[in-house]
Amino acid sequence: MDLIVLEQDRPFIVKALASGDFDYIEAANEVAEAGFFRGMFARKVIGQLAESYPTPRQKEEVPLWLYIASEISLKLHGAQSHFSYPYVICCGGLMEALGPKAGHKSVHPETGDMTLWCEGFSRKNHYGRGTPCDQDFLRKLASDTRPELLAAWFNQEAPQCLRRLRMFDEEGIFIGDGSYLFVPDNEAYENSDVLLFDDHNHPVDPQKVDLTDRRCHWERCYKMVSIIHTNRSQDYFLYVGLKLLPGRASESPALYELAGEFVQAVGRGVMKTLILDRGFIDGLEIGKCKQEHKVEVMIPLRKNMDLYQDVLCLARARDFAWQPFDPRPP
């Protein structure tokens, strides 16, 4: 019996690729992607997501589960355009997971080129296809889906799906934040704003900086508010809530709204600790998280803040004593 032992050595691989010293390269992500989709299909995750997807179509000629699986495959490959779909579907692992009924790959005996033949799902076509569905179908369905319905669907279905898969850590650590998304300077980007940023991409007030400073630059942008879930060792992170706002919009109300929607979707007890930065200090909303959602909100304080000084004064009292905090209800 022959044994093959593999050892991971990235510097050796990079050096071999740079010098052209290799005989064969296999796309390992194809195998990983195929295994990922097989697991998703086996657990019926794609089908459950398709049942609730806010489709704008009255008639379904191509199944929605294929649309969702194709969109996930495009994102796994980092594709920015639906026109990359023929390439992605050919080199990725989705077709392997779909099996021979959806299509099969063949290699030309003379040229060695690999082609993909698919029967397709639409009854209108009577010829072989190179992809299980047309990339134009993906583009039009994505474009016609109402953004507000898509966001509401994700914020409800993603947490519920992750809970069915038991993906939430028992400690219940979640992190909320806001970030800017830059887009090309085109007014066609609806509800976008043009703001001034410094060299660290932090927004600055145009009236308080030297506009001739080359480190400052104008950018058309949106603001993305998100909540992710992770564990204490930070082995992974999962998006459980997203909202896209104009660049000048306040992020605090949107984030606390996301927290409420998450608790409404999966119930109390999943989100136990919500970690935020100082931009989300809001006494009323923090109290609501504590009293209604049973969520502890953690926010760092500045030394010049009154609340920080109050804590120092309490710690200096004679009868003060540290006690361990137990978030579990008595």
C-alpha atoms as a PDB file:
ATOM      1  CA  MET A   1       0.000   0.000   0.000  1.00  0.00           C
ATOM      2  CA  ASP A   2       1.341   3.430  -0.986  1.00  0.00           C
ATOM      3  CA  LEU A   3       1.001   6.306   1.461  1.00  0.00           C
ATOM      4  CA  ILE A   4       1.027   9.961   0.430  1.00  0.00           C
ATOM      5  CA  VAL A   5       1.827  12.453   3.180  1.00  0.00           C
ATOM      6  CA  LEU A   6       1.016  16.141   2.641  1.00  0.00           C
ATOM      7  CA  GLU A   7       2.524  18.977   4.664  1.00  0.00           C
ATOM      8  CA  GLN A   8       1.408  22.606   4.530  1.00  0.00           C
ATOM      9  CA  ASP A   9       4.338  24.849   3.550  1.00  0.00           C
ATOM     10  CA  ARG A  10       3.129  28.167   2.128  1.00  0.00           C
ATOM     11  CA  PRO A  11       6.566  29.766   1.543  1.00  0.00           C
ATOM     12  CA  PHE A  12       7.656  26.698  -0.423  1.00  0.00           C
ATOM     13  CA  ILE A  13       4.482  26.813  -2.548  1.00  0.00           C
ATOM     14  CA  VAL A  14       4.791  30.545  -3.257  1.00  0.00           C
ATOM     15  CA  LYS A  15       8.443  30.117  -4.248  1.00  0.00           C
ATOM     16  CA  ALA A  16       7.582  27.199  -6.549  1.00  0.00           C
ATOM     17  CA  LEU A  17       4.776  29.164  -8.220  1.00  0.00           C
ATOM     18  CA  ALA A  18       7.047  32.192  -8.721  1.00  0.00           C
ATOM     19  CA  SER A  19       9.698  30.055 -10.427  1.00  0.00           C
ATOM     20  CA  GLY A  20       7.192  28.028 -12.438  1.00  0.00           C
ATOM     21  CA  ASP A  21       8.292  24.811 -10.741  1.00  0.00           C
ATOM     22  CA  PHE A  22       5.018  22.883 -10.593  1.00  0.00           C
ATOM     23  CA  ASP A  23       3.430  20.070 -12.576  1.00  0.00           C
ATOM     24  CA  TYR A  24      -0.238  20.261 -11.641  1.00  0.00           C
ATOM     25  CA  ILE A  25      -2.557  22.622  -9.768  1.00  0.00           C
ATOM     26  CA  GLU A  26      -5.939  21.572  -8.464  1.00  0.00           C
ATOM     27  CA  ALA A  27      -8.532  24.081  -7.262  1.00  0.00           C
ATOM     28  CA  ALA A  28      -9.089  22.813  -3.746  1.00  0.00           C
ATOM     29  CA  ASN A  29     -11.893  25.321  -3.238  1.00  0.00           C
ATOM     30  CA  GLU A  30     -13.994  23.328  -5.722  1.00  0.00           C
ATOM     31  CA  VAL A  31     -13.956  20.360  -3.361  1.00  0.00           C
ATOM     32  CA  ALA A  32     -14.687  22.530  -0.330  1.00  0.00           C
ATOM     33  CA  GLU A  33     -17.512  24.362  -2.115  1.00  0.00           C
ATOM     34  CA  ALA A  34     -19.078  21.104  -3.264  1.00  0.00           C
ATOM     35  CA  GLY A  35     -19.021  19.779   0.300  1.00  0.00           C
ATOM     36  CA  PHE A  36     -20.519  23.028   1.563  1.00  0.00           C
ATOM     37  CA  PHE A  37     -23.453  22.903  -0.849  1.00  0.00           C
ATOM     38  CA  ARG A  38     -24.030  19.179  -0.278  1.00  0.00           C
ATOM     39  CA  GLY A  39     -24.415  19.934   3.409  1.00  0.00           C
ATOM     40  CA  MET A  40     -26.740  22.856   2.678  1.00  0.00           C
ATOM     41  CA  PHE A  41     -28.920  20.718   0.402  1.00  0.00           C
ATOM     42  CA  ALA A  42     -28.915  17.764   2.802  1.00  0.00           C
ATOM     43  CA  ARG A  43     -30.143  19.972   5.647  1.00  0.00           C
ATOM     44  CA  LYS A  44     -32.685  21.610   3.316  1.00  0.00           C
ATOM     45  CA  VAL A  45     -31.305  25.071   4.161  1.00  0.00           C
ATOM     46  CA  ILE A  46     -31.468  26.410   0.604  1.00  0.00           C
ATOM     47  CA  GLY A  47     -35.034  25.202   0.143  1.00  0.00           C
ATOM     48  CA  GLN A  48     -36.213  26.785   3.385  1.00  0.00           C
ATOM     49  CA  LEU A  49     -34.635  30.109   2.442  1.00  0.00           C
ATOM     50  CA  ALA A  50     -36.278  29.960  -0.985  1.00  0.00           C
ATOM     51  CA  GLU A  51     -39.741  29.408   0.503  1.00  0.00           C
ATOM     52  CA  SER A  52     -39.659  32.790   2.243  1.00  0.00           C
ATOM     53  CA  TYR A  53     -37.640  34.791  -0.303  1.00  0.00           C
ATOM     54  CA  PRO A  54     -39.510  37.999  -1.326  1.00  0.00           C
ATOM     55  CA  THR A  55     -39.537  37.192  -5.029  1.00  0.00           C
ATOM     56  CA  PRO A  56     -40.942  39.856  -7.381  1.00  0.00           C
ATOM     57  CA  ARG A  57     -42.035  37.179  -9.866  1.00  0.00           C
ATOM     58  CA  GLN A  58     -45.605  35.937 -10.180  1.00  0.00           C
ATOM     59  CA  LYS A  59     -44.542  32.880 -12.186  1.00  0.00           C
ATOM     60  CA  GLU A  60     -41.548  30.725 -11.258  1.00  0.00           C
ATOM     61  CA  GLU A  61     -39.833  29.330 -14.358  1.00  0.00           C
ATOM     62  CA  VAL A  62     -36.484  28.787 -12.628  1.00  0.00           C
ATOM     63  CA  PRO A  63     -36.631  27.559  -9.004  1.00  0.00           C
ATOM     64  CA  LEU A  64     -35.718  30.114  -6.385  1.00  0.00           C
ATOM     65  CA  TRP A  65     -33.458  27.656  -4.579  1.00  0.00           C
ATOM     66  CA  LEU A  66     -31.198  27.661  -7.650  1.00  0.00           C
ATOM     67  CA  TYR A  67     -31.125  31.461  -7.635  1.00  0.00           C
ATOM     68  CA  ILE A  68     -30.106  31.557  -3.956  1.00  0.00           C
ATOM     69  CA  ALA A  69     -27.496  28.817  -4.398  1.00  0.00           C
ATOM     70  CA  SER A  70     -26.060  30.617  -7.439  1.00  0.00           C
ATOM     71  CA  GLU A  71     -25.854  33.925  -5.569  1.00  0.00           C
ATOM     72  CA  ILE A  72     -24.059  32.227  -2.675  1.00  0.00           C
ATOM     73  CA  SER A  73     -21.608  30.630  -5.108  1.00  0.00           C
ATOM     74  CA  LEU A  74     -20.868  34.001  -6.708  1.00  0.00           C
ATOM     75  CA  LYS A  75     -20.182  35.536  -3.280  1.00  0.00           C
ATOM     76  CA  LEU A  76     -17.924  32.632  -2.284  1.00  0.00           C
ATOM     77  CA  HIS A  77     -15.804  33.363  -5.365  1.00  0.00           C
ATOM     78  CA  GLY A  78     -15.795  37.112  -4.746  1.00  0.00           C
ATOM     79  CA  ALA A  79     -17.498  37.792  -8.079  1.00  0.00           C
ATOM     80  CA  GLN A  80     -18.681  41.397  -8.459  1.00  0.00           C
ATOM     81  CA  SER A  81     -20.855  40.819 -11.524  1.00  0.00           C
ATOM     82  CA  HIS A  82     -23.448  38.276 -12.576  1.00  0.00           C
ATOM     83  CA  PHE A  83     -21.632  38.004 -15.905  1.00  0.00           C
ATOM     84  CA  SER A  84     -18.973  35.971 -14.030  1.00  0.00           C
ATOM     85  CA  TYR A  85     -21.536  33.232 -13.467  1.00  0.00           C
ATOM     86  CA  PRO A  86     -20.500  30.963 -16.390  1.00  0.00           C
ATOM     87  CA  TYR A  87     -16.900  30.972 -15.166  1.00  0.00           C
ATOM     88  CA  VAL A  88     -17.848  30.459 -11.512  1.00  0.00           C
ATOM     89  CA  ILE A  89     -20.305  27.645 -12.201  1.00  0.00           C
ATOM     90  CA  CYS A  90     -17.723  25.869 -14.356  1.00  0.00           C
ATOM     91  CA  CYS A  91     -14.790  26.020 -11.937  1.00  0.00           C
ATOM     92  CA  GLY A  92     -16.721  25.981  -8.656  1.00  0.00           C
ATOM     93  CA  GLY A  93     -18.293  23.155  -6.709  1.00  0.00           C
ATOM     94  CA  LEU A  94     -22.001  23.950  -7.053  1.00  0.00           C
ATOM     95  CA  MET A  95     -22.451  21.735 -10.107  1.00  0.00           C
ATOM     96  CA  GLU A  96     -20.785  18.832  -8.293  1.00  0.00           C
ATOM     97  CA  ALA A  97     -23.262  19.241  -5.452  1.00  0.00           C
ATOM     98  CA  LEU A  98     -26.248  19.435  -7.815  1.00  0.00           C
ATOM     99  CA  GLY A  99     -25.281  16.128  -9.412  1.00  0.00           C
ATOM    100  CA  PRO A 100     -25.538  14.797 -12.984  1.00  0.00           C
ATOM    101  CA  LYS A 101     -29.221  15.680 -13.355  1.00  0.00           C
ATOM    102  CA  ALA A 102     -28.388  19.381 -13.392  1.00  0.00           C
ATOM    103  CA  GLY A 103     -25.440  19.048 -15.778  1.00  0.00           C
ATOM    104  CA  HIS A 104     -22.117  17.412 -16.420  1.00  0.00           C
ATOM    105  CA  LYS A 105     -18.632  18.472 -17.466  1.00  0.00           C
ATOM    106  CA  SER A 106     -16.821  17.108 -20.494  1.00  0.00           C
ATOM    107  CA  VAL A 107     -13.299  17.558 -21.890  1.00  0.00           C
ATOM    108  CA  HIS A 108     -12.734  18.000 -25.621  1.00  0.00           C
ATOM    109  CA  PRO A 109     -10.463  15.143 -26.792  1.00  0.00           C
ATOM    110  CA  GLU A 110      -8.406  17.343 -29.123  1.00  0.00           C
ATOM    111  CA  THR A 111      -8.216  20.768 -27.478  1.00  0.00           C
ATOM    112  CA  GLY A 112      -8.501  19.656 -23.860  1.00  0.00           C
ATOM    113  CA  ASP A 113     -11.013  22.436 -23.168  1.00  0.00           C
ATOM    114  CA  MET A 114     -13.608  21.681 -20.521  1.00  0.00           C
ATOM    115  CA  THR A 115     -17.232  22.504 -21.262  1.00  0.00           C
ATOM    116  CA  LEU A 116     -20.362  22.285 -19.165  1.00  0.00           C
ATOM    117  CA  TRP A 117     -23.649  20.961 -20.513  1.00  0.00           C
ATOM    118  CA  CYS A 118     -26.869  21.662 -18.612  1.00  0.00           C
ATOM    119  CA  GLU A 119     -30.437  20.757 -19.421  1.00  0.00           C
ATOM    120  CA  GLY A 120     -31.779  23.862 -17.691  1.00  0.00           C
ATOM    121  CA  PHE A 121     -35.093  24.357 -15.915  1.00  0.00           C
ATOM    122  CA  SER A 122     -37.019  26.476 -18.378  1.00  0.00           C
ATOM    123  CA  ARG A 123     -39.278  24.548 -20.769  1.00  0.00           C
ATOM    124  CA  LYS A 124     -38.877  27.277 -23.372  1.00  0.00           C
ATOM    125  CA  ASN A 125     -35.410  26.119 -24.473  1.00  0.00           C
ATOM    126  CA  HIS A 126     -34.926  22.936 -26.486  1.00  0.00           C
ATOM    127  CA  TYR A 127     -31.142  22.970 -26.603  1.00  0.00           C
ATOM    128  CA  GLY A 128     -28.257  22.368 -24.256  1.00  0.00           C
ATOM    129  CA  ARG A 129     -27.082  25.171 -22.011  1.00  0.00           C
ATOM    130  CA  GLY A 130     -23.690  26.063 -20.597  1.00  0.00           C
ATOM    131  CA  THR A 131     -25.121  26.987 -17.181  1.00  0.00           C
ATOM    132  CA  PRO A 132     -28.114  25.691 -15.185  1.00  0.00           C
ATOM    133  CA  CYS A 133     -29.686  29.156 -15.540  1.00  0.00           C
ATOM    134  CA  ASP A 134     -28.791  32.256 -17.508  1.00  0.00           C
ATOM    135  CA  GLN A 135     -26.730  34.958 -15.809  1.00  0.00           C
ATOM    136  CA  ASP A 136     -29.241  37.517 -17.079  1.00  0.00           C
ATOM    137  CA  PHE A 137     -31.950  35.763 -15.066  1.00  0.00           C
ATOM    138  CA  LEU A 138     -29.859  36.204 -11.916  1.00  0.00           C
ATOM    139  CA  ARG A 139     -29.189  39.863 -12.664  1.00  0.00           C
ATOM    140  CA  LYS A 140     -32.820  40.759 -13.377  1.00  0.00           C
ATOM    141  CA  LEU A 141     -34.202  38.918 -10.354  1.00  0.00           C
ATOM    142  CA  ALA A 142     -31.657  40.596  -8.068  1.00  0.00           C
ATOM    143  CA  SER A 143     -32.411  44.005  -9.600  1.00  0.00           C
ATOM    144  CA  ASP A 144     -36.200  43.609  -9.337  1.00  0.00           C
ATOM    145  CA  THR A 145     -36.220  42.469  -5.703  1.00  0.00           C
ATOM    146  CA  ARG A 146     -37.264  45.360  -3.467  1.00  0.00           C
ATOM    147  CA  PRO A 147     -34.315  46.340  -1.225  1.00  0.00           C
ATOM    148  CA  GLU A 148     -36.398  46.887   1.918  1.00  0.00           C
ATOM    149  CA  LEU A 149     -38.040  43.471   1.556  1.00  0.00           C
ATOM    150  CA  LEU A 150     -34.678  41.832   0.932  1.00  0.00           C
ATOM    151  CA  ALA A 151     -33.173  43.397   4.070  1.00  0.00           C
ATOM    152  CA  ALA A 152     -36.187  42.400   6.192  1.00  0.00           C
ATOM    153  CA  TRP A 153     -35.977  38.850   4.808  1.00  0.00           C
ATOM    154  CA  PHE A 154     -32.300  38.549   5.659  1.00  0.00           C
ATOM    155  CA  ASN A 155     -32.669  40.017   9.151  1.00  0.00           C
ATOM    156  CA  GLN A 156     -35.394  37.489   9.950  1.00  0.00           C
ATOM    157  CA  GLU A 157     -34.371  34.382   8.016  1.00  0.00           C
ATOM    158  CA  ALA A 158     -30.613  34.470   8.656  1.00  0.00           C
ATOM    159  CA  PRO A 159     -30.930  34.320  12.483  1.00  0.00           C
ATOM    160  CA  GLN A 160     -33.637  31.668  12.317  1.00  0.00           C
ATOM    161  CA  CYS A 161     -31.602  29.576   9.886  1.00  0.00           C
ATOM    162  CA  LEU A 162     -28.473  29.817  12.059  1.00  0.00           C
ATOM    163  CA  ARG A 163     -30.450  28.797  15.122  1.00  0.00           C
ATOM    164  CA  ARG A 164     -31.895  25.754  13.362  1.00  0.00           C
ATOM    165  CA  LEU A 165     -28.325  24.772  12.485  1.00  0.00           C
ATOM    166  CA  ARG A 166     -27.261  25.342  16.122  1.00  0.00           C
ATOM    167  CA  MET A 167     -24.599  27.823  15.090  1.00  0.00           C
ATOM    168  CA  PHE A 168     -24.974  30.174  18.055  1.00  0.00           C
ATOM    169  CA  ASP A 169     -22.481  29.871  20.894  1.00  0.00           C
ATOM    170  CA  GLU A 170     -24.055  29.412  24.334  1.00  0.00           C
ATOM    171  CA  GLU A 171     -22.222  32.440  25.730  1.00  0.00           C
ATOM    172  CA  GLY A 172     -24.223  34.662  23.360  1.00  0.00           C
ATOM    173  CA  ILE A 173     -21.620  37.286  22.403  1.00  0.00           C
ATOM    174  CA  PHE A 174     -22.663  39.742  19.689  1.00  0.00           C
ATOM    175  CA  ILE A 175     -20.920  42.835  18.298  1.00  0.00           C
ATOM    176  CA  GLY A 176     -22.632  45.824  16.693  1.00  0.00           C
ATOM    177  CA  ASP A 177     -20.915  48.426  14.547  1.00  0.00           C
ATOM    178  CA  GLY A 178     -21.323  50.909  11.745  1.00  0.00           C
ATOM    179  CA  SER A 179     -19.044  51.364   8.734  1.00  0.00           C
ATOM    180  CA  TYR A 180     -18.949  53.342   5.498  1.00  0.00           C
ATOM    181  CA  LEU A 181     -19.318  51.736   2.080  1.00  0.00           C
ATOM    182  CA  PHE A 182     -17.697  53.724  -0.728  1.00  0.00           C
ATOM    183  CA  VAL A 183     -19.276  53.664  -4.185  1.00  0.00           C
ATOM    184  CA  PRO A 184     -18.352  55.379  -7.475  1.00  0.00           C
ATOM    185  CA  ASP A 185     -19.236  59.065  -7.654  1.00  0.00           C
ATOM    186  CA  ASN A 186     -22.464  58.563  -9.556  1.00  0.00           C
ATOM    187  CA  GLU A 187     -25.769  60.137  -8.576  1.00  0.00           C
ATOM    188  CA  ALA A 188     -27.541  56.989  -9.752  1.00  0.00           C
ATOM    189  CA  TYR A 189     -26.685  55.478  -6.354  1.00  0.00           C
ATOM    190  CA  GLU A 190     -29.947  56.377  -4.661  1.00  0.00           C
ATOM    191  CA  ASN A 191     -29.863  57.857  -1.153  1.00  0.00           C
ATOM    192  CA  SER A 192     -26.057  57.998  -1.147  1.00  0.00           C
ATOM    193  CA  ASP A 193     -24.185  60.960   0.344  1.00  0.00           C
ATOM    194  CA  VAL A 194     -20.869  62.644  -0.454  1.00  0.00           C
ATOM    195  CA  LEU A 195     -18.706  63.125   2.647  1.00  0.00           C
ATOM    196  CA  LEU A 196     -15.160  64.237   3.399  1.00  0.00           C
ATOM    197  CA  PHE A 197     -12.791  61.600   4.852  1.00  0.00           C
ATOM    198  CA  ASP A 198      -9.239  61.698   6.198  1.00  0.00           C
ATOM    199  CA  ASP A 199      -6.399  59.350   5.237  1.00  0.00           C
ATOM    200  CA  HIS A 200      -7.759  56.729   7.665  1.00  0.00           C
ATOM    201  CA  ASN A 201     -11.200  56.886   6.007  1.00  0.00           C
ATOM    202  CA  HIS A 202     -12.754  58.578   9.024  1.00  0.00           C
ATOM    203  CA  PRO A 203     -15.330  61.283   8.283  1.00  0.00           C
ATOM    204  CA  VAL A 204     -14.250  64.859   9.070  1.00  0.00           C
ATOM    205  CA  ASP A 205     -16.019  68.198   9.179  1.00  0.00           C
ATOM    206  CA  PRO A 206     -15.134  70.252   6.044  1.00  0.00           C
ATOM    207  CA  GLN A 207     -15.321  73.446   8.111  1.00  0.00           C
ATOM    208  CA  LYS A 208     -12.691  72.216  10.595  1.00  0.00           C
ATOM    209  CA  VAL A 209      -9.981  70.969   8.226  1.00  0.00           C
ATOM    210  CA  ASP A 210      -7.812  72.387   5.481  1.00  0.00           C
ATOM    211  CA  LEU A 211      -9.507  71.375   2.236  1.00  0.00           C
ATOM    212  CA  THR A 212      -6.183  71.658   0.397  1.00  0.00           C
ATOM    213  CA  ASP A 213      -4.757  68.842   2.534  1.00  0.00           C
ATOM    214  CA  ARG A 214      -4.211  65.915   0.153  1.00  0.00           C
ATOM    215  CA  ARG A 215      -4.843  63.452   2.935  1.00  0.00           C
ATOM    216  CA  CYS A 216      -8.521  64.409   2.845  1.00  0.00           C
ATOM    217  CA  HIS A 217     -10.741  63.114   0.066  1.00  0.00           C
ATOM    218  CA  TRP A 218     -14.399  63.280  -0.888  1.00  0.00           C
ATOM    219  CA  GLU A 219     -16.261  59.982  -1.242  1.00  0.00           C
ATOM    220  CA  ARG A 220     -19.778  59.000  -2.203  1.00  0.00           C
ATOM    221  CA  CYS A 221     -20.896  56.495   0.375  1.00  0.00           C
ATOM    222  CA  TYR A 222     -23.519  54.613   2.306  1.00  0.00           C
ATOM    223  CA  LYS A 223     -23.458  53.648   5.964  1.00  0.00           C
ATOM    224  CA  MET A 224     -23.787  49.965   6.845  1.00  0.00           C
ATOM    225  CA  VAL A 225     -24.959  49.047  10.334  1.00  0.00           C
ATOM    226  CA  SER A 226     -24.434  45.412  11.256  1.00  0.00           C
ATOM    227  CA  ILE A 227     -24.556  42.927  14.104  1.00  0.00           C
ATOM    228  CA  ILE A 228     -22.314  39.865  14.057  1.00  0.00           C
ATOM    229  CA  HIS A 229     -22.053  36.849  16.350  1.00  0.00           C
ATOM    230  CA  THR A 230     -18.792  35.327  17.522  1.00  0.00           C
ATOM    231  CA  ASN A 231     -17.371  33.322  20.418  1.00  0.00           C
ATOM    232  CA  ARG A 232     -14.812  34.295  23.042  1.00  0.00           C
ATOM    233  CA  SER A 233     -11.897  32.792  21.081  1.00  0.00           C
ATOM    234  CA  GLN A 234     -13.070  34.576  17.880  1.00  0.00           C
ATOM    235  CA  ASP A 235     -12.948  31.380  15.813  1.00  0.00           C
ATOM    236  CA  TYR A 236     -15.671  32.658  13.470  1.00  0.00           C
ATOM    237  CA  PHE A 237     -18.181  35.437  12.967  1.00  0.00           C
ATOM    238  CA  LEU A 238     -21.701  35.328  11.540  1.00  0.00           C
ATOM    239  CA  TYR A 239     -23.755  38.248  10.237  1.00  0.00           C
ATOM    240  CA  VAL A 240     -27.188  38.229  11.868  1.00  0.00           C
ATOM    241  CA  GLY A 241     -28.412  41.718  10.965  1.00  0.00           C
ATOM    242  CA  LEU A 242     -27.741  44.395   8.344  1.00  0.00           C
ATOM    243  CA  LYS A 243     -29.141  47.796   7.467  1.00  0.00           C
ATOM    244  CA  LEU A 244     -27.956  50.102   4.679  1.00  0.00           C
ATOM    245  CA  LEU A 245     -28.421  53.822   5.336  1.00  0.00           C
ATOM    246  CA  PRO A 246     -27.462  57.110   3.683  1.00  0.00           C
ATOM    247  CA  GLY A 247     -23.969  58.239   4.609  1.00  0.00           C
ATOM    248  CA  ARG A 248     -25.174  61.047   6.906  1.00  0.00           C
ATOM    249  CA  ALA A 249     -27.784  58.948   8.725  1.00  0.00           C
ATOM    250  CA  SER A 250     -27.455  58.202  12.423  1.00  0.00           C
ATOM    251  CA  GLU A 251     -26.417  54.613  13.036  1.00  0.00           C
ATOM    252  CA  SER A 252     -27.559  54.270  16.649  1.00  0.00           C
ATOM    253  CA  PRO A 253     -31.357  53.948  16.088  1.00  0.00           C
ATOM    254  CA  ALA A 254     -30.796  51.445  13.277  1.00  0.00           C
ATOM    255  CA  LEU A 255     -28.560  49.230  15.399  1.00  0.00           C
ATOM    256  CA  TYR A 256     -30.939  49.011  18.339  1.00  0.00           C
ATOM    257  CA  GLU A 257     -33.739  48.300  15.876  1.00  0.00           C
ATOM    258  CA  LEU A 258     -31.646  45.417  14.500  1.00  0.00           C
ATOM    259  CA  ALA A 259     -31.142  44.066  18.024  1.00  0.00           C
ATOM    260  CA  GLY A 260     -34.893  44.103  18.608  1.00  0.00           C
ATOM    261  CA  GLU A 261     -35.581  42.373  15.289  1.00  0.00           C
ATOM    262  CA  PHE A 262     -33.045  39.667  16.148  1.00  0.00           C
ATOM    263  CA  VAL A 263     -34.662  38.941  19.517  1.00  0.00           C
ATOM    264  CA  GLN A 264     -38.075  38.908  17.859  1.00  0.00           C
ATOM    265  CA  ALA A 265     -36.835  36.411  15.252  1.00  0.00           C
ATOM    266  CA  VAL A 266     -35.123  33.885  17.547  1.00  0.00           C
ATOM    267  CA  GLY A 267     -36.462  34.734  21.013  1.00  0.00           C
ATOM    268  CA  ARG A 268     -34.752  35.803  24.209  1.00  0.00           C
ATOM    269  CA  GLY A 269     -31.676  34.086  25.562  1.00  0.00           C
ATOM    270  CA  VAL A 270     -29.660  33.760  22.334  1.00  0.00           C
ATOM    271  CA  MET A 271     -28.182  37.258  22.420  1.00  0.00           C
ATOM    272  CA  LYS A 272     -26.838  37.687  25.943  1.00  0.00           C
ATOM    273  CA  THR A 273     -24.116  40.335  25.510  1.00  0.00           C
ATOM    274  CA  LEU A 274     -24.048  43.104  22.894  1.00  0.00           C
ATOM    275  CA  ILE A 275     -20.688  44.893  22.555  1.00  0.00           C
ATOM    276  CA  LEU A 276     -20.796  48.409  21.076  1.00  0.00           C
ATOM    277  CA  ASP A 277     -18.535  51.437  20.798  1.00  0.00           C
ATOM    278  CA  ARG A 278     -19.148  54.841  22.374  1.00  0.00           C
ATOM    279  CA  GLY A 279     -21.137  56.094  19.397  1.00  0.00           C
ATOM    280  CA  PHE A 280     -24.086  53.981  20.505  1.00  0.00           C
ATOM    281  CA  ILE A 281     -24.500  55.416  24.012  1.00  0.00           C
ATOM    282  CA  ASP A 282     -28.241  55.831  24.449  1.00  0.00           C
ATOM    283  CA  GLY A 283     -29.659  55.384  27.930  1.00  0.00           C
ATOM    284  CA  LEU A 284     -33.210  54.731  26.793  1.00  0.00           C
ATOM    285  CA  GLU A 285     -32.232  52.077  24.247  1.00  0.00           C
ATOM    286  CA  ILE A 286     -29.726  50.415  26.586  1.00  0.00           C
ATOM    287  CA  GLY A 287     -32.431  50.174  29.224  1.00  0.00           C
ATOM    288  CA  LYS A 288     -34.817  48.664  26.695  1.00  0.00           C
ATOM    289  CA  CYS A 289     -32.241  46.021  25.765  1.00  0.00           C
ATOM    290  CA  LYS A 290     -31.789  45.156  29.431  1.00  0.00           C
ATOM    291  CA  GLN A 291     -35.436  45.133  30.484  1.00  0.00           C
ATOM    292  CA  GLU A 292     -37.277  43.899  27.381  1.00  0.00           C
ATOM    293  CA  HIS A 293     -34.697  41.857  25.480  1.00  0.00           C
ATOM    294  CA  LYS A 294     -32.664  40.615  28.481  1.00  0.00           C
ATOM    295  CA  VAL A 295     -29.452  41.699  26.727  1.00  0.00           C
ATOM    296  CA  GLU A 296     -26.441  43.164  28.527  1.00  0.00           C
ATOM    297  CA  VAL A 297     -24.919  46.079  26.566  1.00  0.00           C
ATOM    298  CA  MET A 298     -21.184  46.702  26.997  1.00  0.00           C
ATOM    299  CA  ILE A 299     -19.773  50.099  25.926  1.00  0.00           C
ATOM    300  CA  PRO A 300     -16.329  51.515  26.833  1.00  0.00           C
ATOM    301  CA  LEU A 301     -16.286  54.891  28.575  1.00  0.00           C
ATOM    302  CA  ARG A 302     -13.979  57.877  28.239  1.00  0.00           C
ATOM    303  CA  LYS A 303     -12.199  59.159  31.319  1.00  0.00           C
ATOM    304  CA  ASN A 304     -13.784  62.597  30.937  1.00  0.00           C
ATOM    305  CA  MET A 305     -17.331  61.229  30.976  1.00  0.00           C
ATOM    306  CA  ASP A 306     -19.524  61.785  34.047  1.00  0.00           C
ATOM    307  CA  LEU A 307     -20.455  58.115  34.201  1.00  0.00           C
ATOM    308  CA  TYR A 308     -16.792  57.131  34.387  1.00  0.00           C
ATOM    309  CA  GLN A 309     -16.217  59.565  37.250  1.00  0.00           C
ATOM    310  CA  ASP A 310     -19.291  58.203  39.044  1.00  0.00           C
ATOM    311  CA  VAL A 311     -17.847  54.689  38.912  1.00  0.00           C
ATOM    312  CA  LEU A 312     -14.519  55.901  40.316  1.00  0.00           C
ATOM    313  CA  CYS A 313     -16.240  57.654  43.183  1.00  0.00           C
ATOM    314  CA  LEU A 314     -18.287  54.557  43.995  1.00  0.00           C
ATOM    315  CA  ALA A 315     -15.151  52.420  43.954  1.00  0.00           C
ATOM    316  CA  ARG A 316     -13.521  54.719  46.525  1.00  0.00           C
ATOM    317  CA  ALA A 317     -16.338  54.332  49.041  1.00  0.00           C
ATOM    318  CA  ARG A 318     -15.460  52.624  52.316  1.00  0.00           C
ATOM    319  CA  ASP A 319     -18.075  49.885  52.053  1.00  0.00           C
ATOM    320  CA  PHE A 320     -17.244  49.149  48.383  1.00  0.00           C
ATOM    321  CA  ALA A 321     -16.382  45.545  47.490  1.00  0.00           C
ATOM    322  CA  TRP A 322     -15.943  43.838  44.120  1.00  0.00           C
ATOM    323  CA  GLN A 323     -18.373  41.025  43.359  1.00  0.00           C
ATOM    324  CA  PRO A 324     -18.490  38.593  40.421  1.00  0.00           C
ATOM    325  CA  PHE A 325     -21.173  39.413  37.873  1.00  0.00           C
ATOM    326  CA  ASP A 326     -23.535  36.631  36.871  1.00  0.00           C
ATOM    327  CA  PRO A 327     -25.700  37.534  33.833  1.00  0.00           C
ATOM    328  CA  ARG A 328     -28.066  34.654  34.505  1.00  0.00           C
ATOM    329  CA  PRO A 329     -31.391  35.627  36.092  1.00  0.00           C
ATOM    330  CA  PRO A 330     -31.790  34.669  39.777  1.00  0.00           C
END
